[in-house]
Amino acid sequence: MSHDDRSPTTATRPKRADARRNEVVLLDAAGAVFVRSGVEAPIRDIAAEAGVGTATIYRHFPTRADLILAVYHHQVEALAEAGAAALTESTHPHASLGRWFEQFVDFLVTKHGLAAVLQSDDPCYDPLHSYFLERIVPVCAQLLDAAATAGEIHPGQDPYELMRGVASLCAGVGTTHQYQYNARRLTGILIAGLHRSA
């Protein structure tokens, strides 16, 4: 392969990285605006949050549904990656489990604005719940298994059951700091209750 043959491929790599970073900025901005104003917020508000023009958003996400789906996937992936990170940040898996569930609560609370969309008749949203479970339940299971292996909790805890319990604690919670704090506090009590006494 000649130098000329390699050049185009090499030259495109930084652009791909830049494009991905730009997309992440847009998704983070859209997520923040959705929490404050709902998923029907004007695109110009998202553009202002991201520091770009509206045309840039439409270039990446031609429809609002495209944007909503991308934000949801982006945040689910971040939650999944946080599970692995939590395990490496502490020598106590039970503490890691608690920290991850704080992030899980934040995820659930900020998704309440998506409820109407996710329950709409638009079939493009149908796979989201299954995608969420397939991606996140194994993460919770890994955290529980690590804590059980370390002798910090009793083995055999059901990750889906635990996640449903935490979701119930978050039901009806608004996005204000006080209500979000209460949901996190109650979840903390639940996770603390899993700890195995010496």
C-alpha atoms as a PDB file:
ATOM      1  CA  MET A   1       0.000   0.000   0.000  1.00  0.00           C
ATOM      2  CA  SER A   2       1.424   3.386  -0.972  1.00  0.00           C
ATOM      3  CA  HIS A   3       1.511   6.522   1.157  1.00  0.00           C
ATOM      4  CA  ASP A   4      -1.262   7.976  -1.005  1.00  0.00           C
ATOM      5  CA  ASP A   5      -3.431   4.925  -0.372  1.00  0.00           C
ATOM      6  CA  ARG A   6      -3.120   5.367   3.385  1.00  0.00           C
ATOM      7  CA  SER A   7      -3.617   9.109   3.517  1.00  0.00           C
ATOM      8  CA  PRO A   8      -7.399   9.321   3.047  1.00  0.00           C
ATOM      9  CA  THR A   9      -8.087   6.791   5.805  1.00  0.00           C
ATOM     10  CA  THR A  10      -5.662   8.448   8.184  1.00  0.00           C
ATOM     11  CA  ALA A  11      -7.082  11.877   7.430  1.00  0.00           C
ATOM     12  CA  THR A  12     -10.666  10.857   8.180  1.00  0.00           C
ATOM     13  CA  ARG A  13     -10.010   9.455  11.668  1.00  0.00           C
ATOM     14  CA  PRO A  14      -9.757  12.794  13.513  1.00  0.00           C
ATOM     15  CA  LYS A  15     -12.952  13.935  11.801  1.00  0.00           C
ATOM     16  CA  ARG A  16     -14.792  10.882  13.079  1.00  0.00           C
ATOM     17  CA  ALA A  17     -13.577  11.554  16.618  1.00  0.00           C
ATOM     18  CA  ASP A  18     -14.562  15.217  16.337  1.00  0.00           C
ATOM     19  CA  ALA A  19     -17.966  14.292  14.961  1.00  0.00           C
ATOM     20  CA  ARG A  20     -18.542  11.889  17.851  1.00  0.00           C
ATOM     21  CA  ARG A  21     -17.523  14.529  20.411  1.00  0.00           C
ATOM     22  CA  ASN A  22     -19.833  17.049  18.775  1.00  0.00           C
ATOM     23  CA  GLU A  23     -22.682  14.556  18.871  1.00  0.00           C
ATOM     24  CA  VAL A  24     -22.097  13.892  22.573  1.00  0.00           C
ATOM     25  CA  VAL A  25     -22.241  17.637  23.252  1.00  0.00           C
ATOM     26  CA  LEU A  26     -25.567  17.832  21.418  1.00  0.00           C
ATOM     27  CA  LEU A  27     -26.977  14.828  23.271  1.00  0.00           C
ATOM     28  CA  ASP A  28     -25.910  16.166  26.673  1.00  0.00           C
ATOM     29  CA  ALA A  29     -27.442  19.543  25.830  1.00  0.00           C
ATOM     30  CA  ALA A  30     -30.687  17.966  24.633  1.00  0.00           C
ATOM     31  CA  GLY A  31     -30.864  15.807  27.749  1.00  0.00           C
ATOM     32  CA  ALA A  32     -30.462  18.842  29.995  1.00  0.00           C
ATOM     33  CA  VAL A  33     -33.133  20.802  28.125  1.00  0.00           C
ATOM     34  CA  PHE A  34     -35.520  17.819  28.158  1.00  0.00           C
ATOM     35  CA  VAL A  35     -35.231  17.657  31.954  1.00  0.00           C
ATOM     36  CA  ARG A  36     -36.002  21.365  32.324  1.00  0.00           C
ATOM     37  CA  SER A  37     -38.617  21.830  29.619  1.00  0.00           C
ATOM     38  CA  GLY A  38     -39.758  18.421  28.380  1.00  0.00           C
ATOM     39  CA  VAL A  39     -39.127  16.634  25.124  1.00  0.00           C
ATOM     40  CA  GLU A  40     -41.207  19.154  23.179  1.00  0.00           C
ATOM     41  CA  ALA A  41     -38.771  21.955  24.019  1.00  0.00           C
ATOM     42  CA  PRO A  42     -37.878  24.166  21.037  1.00  0.00           C
ATOM     43  CA  ILE A  43     -34.871  22.992  19.052  1.00  0.00           C
ATOM     44  CA  ARG A  44     -33.452  26.515  19.336  1.00  0.00           C
ATOM     45  CA  ASP A  45     -33.218  26.030  23.126  1.00  0.00           C
ATOM     46  CA  ILE A  46     -31.182  22.875  22.629  1.00  0.00           C
ATOM     47  CA  ALA A  47     -28.997  24.636  20.084  1.00  0.00           C
ATOM     48  CA  ALA A  48     -28.371  27.482  22.526  1.00  0.00           C
ATOM     49  CA  GLU A  49     -27.491  24.995  25.295  1.00  0.00           C
ATOM     50  CA  ALA A  50     -25.007  23.270  22.974  1.00  0.00           C
ATOM     51  CA  GLY A  51     -23.618  26.507  21.557  1.00  0.00           C
ATOM     52  CA  VAL A  52     -24.466  25.612  17.964  1.00  0.00           C
ATOM     53  CA  GLY A  53     -26.968  26.597  15.304  1.00  0.00           C
ATOM     54  CA  THR A  54     -30.245  24.732  14.805  1.00  0.00           C
ATOM     55  CA  ALA A  55     -29.024  23.529  11.409  1.00  0.00           C
ATOM     56  CA  THR A  56     -26.273  21.564  13.163  1.00  0.00           C
ATOM     57  CA  ILE A  57     -28.838  19.700  15.245  1.00  0.00           C
ATOM     58  CA  TYR A  58     -30.993  18.889  12.224  1.00  0.00           C
ATOM     59  CA  ARG A  59     -27.928  17.668  10.368  1.00  0.00           C
ATOM     60  CA  HIS A  60     -27.239  15.125  13.116  1.00  0.00           C
ATOM     61  CA  PHE A  61     -30.885  14.383  14.003  1.00  0.00           C
ATOM     62  CA  PRO A  62     -33.330  15.123  11.168  1.00  0.00           C
ATOM     63  CA  THR A  63     -36.444  14.566  13.322  1.00  0.00           C
ATOM     64  CA  ARG A  64     -37.345  15.095  16.964  1.00  0.00           C
ATOM     65  CA  ALA A  65     -37.874  11.345  17.310  1.00  0.00           C
ATOM     66  CA  ASP A  66     -34.303  10.775  16.116  1.00  0.00           C
ATOM     67  CA  LEU A  67     -33.068  13.155  18.800  1.00  0.00           C
ATOM     68  CA  ILE A  68     -35.174  11.645  21.584  1.00  0.00           C
ATOM     69  CA  LEU A  69     -34.046   8.126  20.714  1.00  0.00           C
ATOM     70  CA  ALA A  70     -30.406   9.194  20.569  1.00  0.00           C
ATOM     71  CA  VAL A  71     -30.600  10.967  23.942  1.00  0.00           C
ATOM     72  CA  TYR A  72     -32.202   7.918  25.553  1.00  0.00           C
ATOM     73  CA  HIS A  73     -29.591   5.535  24.135  1.00  0.00           C
ATOM     74  CA  HIS A  74     -26.768   7.889  25.105  1.00  0.00           C
ATOM     75  CA  GLN A  75     -27.934   8.082  28.711  1.00  0.00           C
ATOM     76  CA  VAL A  76     -28.596   4.350  29.020  1.00  0.00           C
ATOM     77  CA  GLU A  77     -25.073   3.667  27.782  1.00  0.00           C
ATOM     78  CA  ALA A  78     -23.661   6.166  30.288  1.00  0.00           C
ATOM     79  CA  LEU A  79     -25.550   4.409  33.098  1.00  0.00           C
ATOM     80  CA  ALA A  80     -24.269   1.026  31.968  1.00  0.00           C
ATOM     81  CA  GLU A  81     -20.680   2.257  31.796  1.00  0.00           C
ATOM     82  CA  ALA A  82     -21.049   3.772  35.267  1.00  0.00           C
ATOM     83  CA  GLY A  83     -21.580   0.291  36.691  1.00  0.00           C
ATOM     84  CA  ALA A  84     -18.179  -0.941  35.557  1.00  0.00           C
ATOM     85  CA  ALA A  85     -16.589   2.303  36.710  1.00  0.00           C
ATOM     86  CA  ALA A  86     -18.187   1.993  40.159  1.00  0.00           C
ATOM     87  CA  LEU A  87     -16.617  -1.430  40.679  1.00  0.00           C
ATOM     88  CA  THR A  88     -13.134  -0.141  39.914  1.00  0.00           C
ATOM     89  CA  GLU A  89     -13.437   2.914  42.145  1.00  0.00           C
ATOM     90  CA  SER A  90     -13.890   1.058  45.439  1.00  0.00           C
ATOM     91  CA  THR A  91     -12.636  -2.075  47.160  1.00  0.00           C
ATOM     92  CA  HIS A  92     -16.114  -2.466  48.678  1.00  0.00           C
ATOM     93  CA  PRO A  93     -18.626  -3.672  46.064  1.00  0.00           C
ATOM     94  CA  HIS A  94     -21.583  -2.850  48.310  1.00  0.00           C
ATOM     95  CA  ALA A  95     -20.487   0.792  48.331  1.00  0.00           C
ATOM     96  CA  SER A  96     -20.138   0.633  44.546  1.00  0.00           C
ATOM     97  CA  LEU A  97     -23.663  -0.735  44.320  1.00  0.00           C
ATOM     98  CA  GLY A  98     -24.934   2.185  46.381  1.00  0.00           C
ATOM     99  CA  ARG A  99     -23.178   4.769  44.238  1.00  0.00           C
ATOM    100  CA  TRP A 100     -24.484   3.205  41.053  1.00  0.00           C
ATOM    101  CA  PHE A 101     -28.034   3.196  42.364  1.00  0.00           C
ATOM    102  CA  GLU A 102     -27.737   6.916  43.060  1.00  0.00           C
ATOM    103  CA  GLN A 103     -27.053   7.347  39.348  1.00  0.00           C
ATOM    104  CA  PHE A 104     -29.892   4.961  38.549  1.00  0.00           C
ATOM    105  CA  VAL A 105     -32.256   7.169  40.571  1.00  0.00           C
ATOM    106  CA  ASP A 106     -31.066  10.273  38.725  1.00  0.00           C
ATOM    107  CA  PHE A 107     -31.665   8.481  35.423  1.00  0.00           C
ATOM    108  CA  LEU A 108     -35.209   7.474  36.398  1.00  0.00           C
ATOM    109  CA  VAL A 109     -36.169  10.874  37.766  1.00  0.00           C
ATOM    110  CA  THR A 110     -34.989  12.714  34.680  1.00  0.00           C
ATOM    111  CA  LYS A 111     -36.825  10.251  32.409  1.00  0.00           C
ATOM    112  CA  HIS A 112     -40.266  11.082  33.775  1.00  0.00           C
ATOM    113  CA  GLY A 113     -40.579  13.785  31.119  1.00  0.00           C
ATOM    114  CA  LEU A 114     -40.288  11.062  28.475  1.00  0.00           C
ATOM    115  CA  ALA A 115     -43.201   9.051  29.846  1.00  0.00           C
ATOM    116  CA  ALA A 116     -45.796  10.395  27.421  1.00  0.00           C
ATOM    117  CA  VAL A 117     -43.493   9.858  24.471  1.00  0.00           C
ATOM    118  CA  LEU A 118     -42.540   6.328  25.477  1.00  0.00           C
ATOM    119  CA  GLN A 119     -46.231   5.436  25.847  1.00  0.00           C
ATOM    120  CA  SER A 120     -47.225   7.026  22.554  1.00  0.00           C
ATOM    121  CA  ASP A 121     -48.483   5.164  19.504  1.00  0.00           C
ATOM    122  CA  ASP A 122     -45.298   5.866  17.564  1.00  0.00           C
ATOM    123  CA  PRO A 123     -43.735   2.422  16.972  1.00  0.00           C
ATOM    124  CA  CYS A 124     -40.212   3.856  16.840  1.00  0.00           C
ATOM    125  CA  TYR A 125     -40.253   4.070  20.651  1.00  0.00           C
ATOM    126  CA  ASP A 126     -41.467   0.500  21.228  1.00  0.00           C
ATOM    127  CA  PRO A 127     -38.012  -1.140  21.565  1.00  0.00           C
ATOM    128  CA  LEU A 128     -36.704   1.324  24.166  1.00  0.00           C
ATOM    129  CA  HIS A 129     -37.915  -0.481  27.276  1.00  0.00           C
ATOM    130  CA  SER A 130     -36.535  -3.826  26.133  1.00  0.00           C
ATOM    131  CA  TYR A 131     -33.257  -2.176  25.194  1.00  0.00           C
ATOM    132  CA  PHE A 132     -33.044  -0.595  28.644  1.00  0.00           C
ATOM    133  CA  LEU A 133     -33.615  -3.912  30.431  1.00  0.00           C
ATOM    134  CA  GLU A 134     -31.215  -5.842  28.212  1.00  0.00           C
ATOM    135  CA  ARG A 135     -28.481  -3.280  28.812  1.00  0.00           C
ATOM    136  CA  ILE A 136     -28.988  -2.371  32.479  1.00  0.00           C
ATOM    137  CA  VAL A 137     -30.192  -5.534  34.263  1.00  0.00           C
ATOM    138  CA  PRO A 138     -26.861  -7.332  33.606  1.00  0.00           C
ATOM    139  CA  VAL A 139     -24.999  -4.319  35.008  1.00  0.00           C
ATOM    140  CA  CYS A 140     -27.012  -4.443  38.214  1.00  0.00           C
ATOM    141  CA  ALA A 141     -26.500  -8.224  38.354  1.00  0.00           C
ATOM    142  CA  GLN A 142     -22.734  -7.770  38.058  1.00  0.00           C
ATOM    143  CA  LEU A 143     -22.701  -5.300  40.939  1.00  0.00           C
ATOM    144  CA  LEU A 144     -24.827  -7.601  43.100  1.00  0.00           C
ATOM    145  CA  ASP A 145     -22.653 -10.613  42.283  1.00  0.00           C
ATOM    146  CA  ALA A 146     -19.496  -8.687  43.208  1.00  0.00           C
ATOM    147  CA  ALA A 147     -20.992  -7.654  46.550  1.00  0.00           C
ATOM    148  CA  ALA A 148     -22.171 -11.210  47.249  1.00  0.00           C
ATOM    149  CA  THR A 149     -18.770 -12.677  46.324  1.00  0.00           C
ATOM    150  CA  ALA A 150     -17.148 -10.235  48.741  1.00  0.00           C
ATOM    151  CA  GLY A 151     -19.519 -11.426  51.473  1.00  0.00           C
ATOM    152  CA  GLU A 152     -21.052  -7.955  51.817  1.00  0.00           C
ATOM    153  CA  ILE A 153     -24.609  -8.978  50.879  1.00  0.00           C
ATOM    154  CA  HIS A 154     -26.511 -12.255  50.862  1.00  0.00           C
ATOM    155  CA  PRO A 155     -26.282 -14.026  47.484  1.00  0.00           C
ATOM    156  CA  GLY A 156     -29.307 -14.583  45.286  1.00  0.00           C
ATOM    157  CA  GLN A 157     -30.602 -11.002  45.068  1.00  0.00           C
ATOM    158  CA  ASP A 158     -32.761 -10.459  41.975  1.00  0.00           C
ATOM    159  CA  PRO A 159     -31.468  -7.429  39.998  1.00  0.00           C
ATOM    160  CA  TYR A 160     -34.742  -6.842  38.160  1.00  0.00           C
ATOM    161  CA  GLU A 161     -36.736  -7.012  41.385  1.00  0.00           C
ATOM    162  CA  LEU A 162     -34.390  -4.559  43.069  1.00  0.00           C
ATOM    163  CA  MET A 163     -34.533  -2.161  40.128  1.00  0.00           C
ATOM    164  CA  ARG A 164     -38.344  -2.327  40.144  1.00  0.00           C
ATOM    165  CA  GLY A 165     -38.315  -1.538  43.862  1.00  0.00           C
ATOM    166  CA  VAL A 166     -36.143   1.519  43.335  1.00  0.00           C
ATOM    167  CA  ALA A 167     -38.311   2.597  40.409  1.00  0.00           C
ATOM    168  CA  SER A 168     -41.326   2.458  42.727  1.00  0.00           C
ATOM    169  CA  LEU A 169     -39.550   4.764  45.164  1.00  0.00           C
ATOM    170  CA  CYS A 170     -39.038   7.203  42.290  1.00  0.00           C
ATOM    171  CA  ALA A 171     -42.622   7.051  41.013  1.00  0.00           C
ATOM    172  CA  GLY A 172     -44.217  10.471  40.938  1.00  0.00           C
ATOM    173  CA  VAL A 173     -40.991  12.211  41.928  1.00  0.00           C
ATOM    174  CA  GLY A 174     -40.449  15.602  40.346  1.00  0.00           C
ATOM    175  CA  THR A 175     -37.132  16.889  39.113  1.00  0.00           C
ATOM    176  CA  THR A 176     -36.706  19.443  41.909  1.00  0.00           C
ATOM    177  CA  HIS A 177     -33.671  19.014  44.130  1.00  0.00           C
ATOM    178  CA  GLN A 178     -35.717  18.193  47.241  1.00  0.00           C
ATOM    179  CA  TYR A 179     -37.770  15.415  45.668  1.00  0.00           C
ATOM    180  CA  GLN A 180     -34.769  13.971  43.880  1.00  0.00           C
ATOM    181  CA  TYR A 181     -32.858  14.017  47.171  1.00  0.00           C
ATOM    182  CA  ASN A 182     -35.700  12.144  48.895  1.00  0.00           C
ATOM    183  CA  ALA A 183     -35.700   9.432  46.222  1.00  0.00           C
ATOM    184  CA  ARG A 184     -31.946   9.025  46.548  1.00  0.00           C
ATOM    185  CA  ARG A 185     -32.178   8.961  50.357  1.00  0.00           C
ATOM    186  CA  LEU A 186     -34.858   6.248  50.354  1.00  0.00           C
ATOM    187  CA  THR A 187     -32.898   4.231  47.805  1.00  0.00           C
ATOM    188  CA  GLY A 188     -29.832   4.558  50.019  1.00  0.00           C
ATOM    189  CA  ILE A 189     -31.795   3.089  52.910  1.00  0.00           C
ATOM    190  CA  LEU A 190     -32.924   0.187  50.721  1.00  0.00           C
ATOM    191  CA  ILE A 191     -29.383  -0.576  49.498  1.00  0.00           C
ATOM    192  CA  ALA A 192     -27.996  -0.222  53.032  1.00  0.00           C
ATOM    193  CA  GLY A 193     -30.532  -2.850  54.117  1.00  0.00           C
ATOM    194  CA  LEU A 194     -28.877  -5.351  51.791  1.00  0.00           C
ATOM    195  CA  HIS A 195     -25.610  -5.129  53.705  1.00  0.00           C
ATOM    196  CA  ARG A 196     -24.744  -8.325  55.483  1.00  0.00           C
ATOM    197  CA  SER A 197     -24.020  -7.912  59.185  1.00  0.00           C
ATOM    198  CA  ALA A 198     -20.654  -9.219  60.341  1.00  0.00           C
END
